[in-house]
Amino acid sequence: MPDDTYFMRQALIEAQKAFNEGEVPVGAVIVANNRIIVRAHNLVETLNDVTAHAEMQAITAAANVLGGKYLVGCTLFVTIEPCPMCAGALGWSQLSRIVYGAGDEKRGFSKFAAGVLHPKTTVSSGILDEECAALMKKFFERKRES
């Protein structure tokens, strides 16, 4: 049976897609009943939309797959700690669990809006954190070079 590491690797595949498309490399998958129902990555540049974060794309797609706005029983795996905007949306979705790879000291929700998640949502972090952080670092190093 797949575990958190397996699902985070799937989110990293999405992050790599974002990287390849010139997007900030954040990837996400949503899992229900131990099965991936949604894959998403940042589309901010592609859609010219500051709200098109991987998590927001995943929430919308999962609601469509499930036929309702609440994601109770679902787990989001995302490569970087969600920002306050995404965490707020995740809270409204009543997502059961969030698992993120690398923390985000500058823009992560835990620094600015730790209480924004639904009270029943559990959070795990640090899954493949070094790999998740390395992809982000590589992206911004390349951006500075160009």
Protein backbone atom coordinates (compact mmCIF):
# COMPACT_ATOMS: atom_id res chain seq x y z
CA MET A 1 0.00 0.00 0.00
CA PRO A 2 1.40 3.45 -0.89
CA ASP A 3 2.68 5.61 1.96
CA ASP A 4 3.31 9.33 2.51
CA THR A 5 6.69 9.12 0.77
CA TYR A 6 5.12 7.58 -2.32
CA PHE A 7 2.48 10.29 -2.57
CA MET A 8 5.03 13.06 -1.96
CA ARG A 9 7.12 11.67 -4.81
CA GLN A 10 4.03 12.03 -7.00
CA ALA A 11 3.69 15.66 -5.87
CA LEU A 12 7.37 16.15 -6.75
CA ILE A 13 6.65 14.92 -10.28
CA GLU A 14 4.06 17.70 -10.51
CA ALA A 15 6.55 20.22 -9.12
CA GLN A 16 9.03 19.20 -11.80
CA LYS A 17 6.34 19.85 -14.44
CA ALA A 18 5.90 23.34 -13.03
CA PHE A 19 9.68 23.86 -13.06
CA ASN A 20 9.86 22.75 -16.71
CA GLU A 21 7.08 25.23 -17.59
CA GLY A 22 8.84 28.15 -15.88
CA GLU A 23 6.43 28.13 -12.94
CA VAL A 24 7.49 28.21 -9.30
CA PRO A 25 7.95 24.46 -8.72
CA VAL A 26 5.16 23.52 -6.35
CA GLY A 27 3.30 20.28 -6.96
CA ALA A 28 0.33 18.70 -5.27
CA VAL A 29 -1.76 15.56 -5.28
CA ILE A 30 -4.99 14.87 -3.43
CA VAL A 31 -5.61 11.36 -2.21
CA ALA A 32 -8.92 9.73 -1.28
CA ASN A 33 -9.19 6.12 -0.17
CA ASN A 34 -5.44 5.68 -0.74
CA ARG A 35 -5.82 6.64 -4.42
CA ILE A 36 -4.71 9.81 -6.18
CA ILE A 37 -7.80 11.63 -7.44
CA VAL A 38 -6.08 14.88 -8.49
CA ARG A 39 -2.65 16.00 -9.67
CA ALA A 40 -1.82 19.69 -9.89
CA HIS A 41 1.02 22.20 -10.04
CA ASN A 42 1.43 25.95 -10.06
CA LEU A 43 -0.11 27.68 -13.06
CA VAL A 44 0.33 31.31 -11.98
CA GLU A 45 2.37 32.34 -15.02
CA THR A 46 0.48 30.16 -17.49
CA LEU A 47 -2.93 31.51 -16.44
CA ASN A 48 -1.66 34.98 -15.49
CA ASP A 49 -3.50 34.48 -12.19
CA VAL A 50 -1.89 35.05 -8.80
CA THR A 51 -4.35 32.62 -7.22
CA ALA A 52 -3.42 29.69 -9.49
CA HIS A 53 -1.27 27.97 -6.87
CA ALA A 54 -0.97 24.18 -6.99
CA GLU A 55 -3.17 23.81 -3.90
CA MET A 56 -5.94 25.99 -5.36
CA GLN A 57 -5.87 24.03 -8.61
CA ALA A 58 -6.03 20.79 -6.64
CA ILE A 59 -8.97 21.92 -4.45
CA THR A 60 -11.04 22.91 -7.48
CA ALA A 61 -10.26 19.72 -9.37
CA ALA A 62 -10.97 17.51 -6.34
CA ALA A 63 -14.33 19.19 -5.73
CA ASN A 64 -15.21 18.46 -9.36
CA VAL A 65 -14.09 14.83 -9.08
CA LEU A 66 -15.99 14.28 -5.83
CA GLY A 67 -19.04 16.29 -6.84
CA GLY A 68 -19.01 18.54 -3.78
CA LYS A 69 -17.10 21.37 -2.16
CA TYR A 70 -15.95 19.51 0.96
CA LEU A 71 -12.85 17.32 0.91
CA VAL A 72 -13.49 15.40 4.13
CA GLY A 73 -11.55 12.15 4.06
CA CYS A 74 -8.98 13.52 1.61
CA THR A 75 -5.28 14.21 2.07
CA LEU A 76 -3.33 16.89 0.22
CA PHE A 77 0.34 16.18 -0.44
CA VAL A 78 2.16 19.36 -1.45
CA THR A 79 5.88 19.92 -1.92
CA ILE A 80 6.06 23.28 -0.09
CA GLU A 81 4.16 24.54 2.94
CA PRO A 82 0.96 26.24 1.77
CA CYS A 83 0.71 30.02 1.88
CA PRO A 84 -2.02 31.70 3.99
CA MET A 85 -4.32 32.04 0.96
CA CYS A 86 -4.12 28.35 0.16
CA ALA A 87 -4.39 27.34 3.81
CA GLY A 88 -7.56 29.42 4.09
CA ALA A 89 -9.07 27.66 1.09
CA LEU A 90 -7.96 24.29 2.46
CA GLY A 91 -9.68 25.18 5.74
CA TRP A 92 -12.93 26.02 3.96
CA SER A 93 -12.71 22.73 2.04
CA GLN A 94 -12.61 20.81 5.34
CA LEU A 95 -9.70 18.74 4.05
CA SER A 96 -8.86 16.03 6.56
CA ARG A 97 -5.09 16.04 6.27
CA ILE A 98 -2.26 18.12 4.81
CA VAL A 99 1.21 16.69 4.25
CA TYR A 100 3.89 19.04 3.02
CA GLY A 101 7.53 18.57 2.18
CA ALA A 102 9.60 21.67 2.86
CA GLY A 103 8.55 24.48 5.15
CA ASP A 104 8.34 28.06 3.90
CA GLU A 105 9.77 30.43 6.51
CA LYS A 106 8.96 33.53 4.44
CA ARG A 107 5.43 32.83 3.22
CA GLY A 108 4.15 29.66 4.92
CA PHE A 109 0.79 29.64 6.67
CA SER A 110 2.20 28.43 9.99
CA LYS A 111 3.99 31.77 10.42
CA PHE A 112 1.07 34.02 9.47
CA ALA A 113 -2.16 32.07 9.86
CA ALA A 114 -1.62 28.93 11.89
CA GLY A 115 -5.26 28.83 13.01
CA VAL A 116 -6.82 29.12 9.55
CA LEU A 117 -7.18 25.38 8.90
CA HIS A 118 -10.30 23.43 9.78
CA PRO A 119 -10.11 22.30 13.44
CA LYS A 120 -10.18 18.62 12.41
CA THR A 121 -7.42 18.95 9.80
CA THR A 122 -4.16 17.28 10.77
CA VAL A 123 -0.81 18.43 9.40
CA SER A 124 2.40 16.49 8.78
CA SER A 125 5.58 18.01 7.41
CA GLY A 126 9.12 17.16 6.42
CA ILE A 127 8.30 14.35 3.99
CA LEU A 128 11.11 14.44 1.38
CA ASP A 129 11.78 17.98 2.58
CA GLU A 130 15.32 18.11 1.21
CA GLU A 131 14.22 17.09 -2.30
CA CYS A 132 11.32 19.55 -2.24
CA ALA A 133 13.52 22.41 -1.03
CA ALA A 134 16.29 21.56 -3.53
CA LEU A 135 13.95 21.92 -6.52
CA MET A 136 12.76 25.30 -5.26
CA LYS A 137 16.33 26.46 -4.66
CA LYS A 138 17.39 25.33 -8.13
CA PHE A 139 14.48 27.24 -9.69
CA PHE A 140 15.35 30.53 -8.00
CA GLU A 141 19.08 30.13 -8.68
CA ARG A 142 18.31 29.77 -12.39
CA LYS A 143 15.93 32.72 -12.27
CA ARG A 144 18.64 34.92 -10.74
CA GLU A 145 21.14 33.82 -13.41
CA SER A 146 18.88 34.87 -16.28
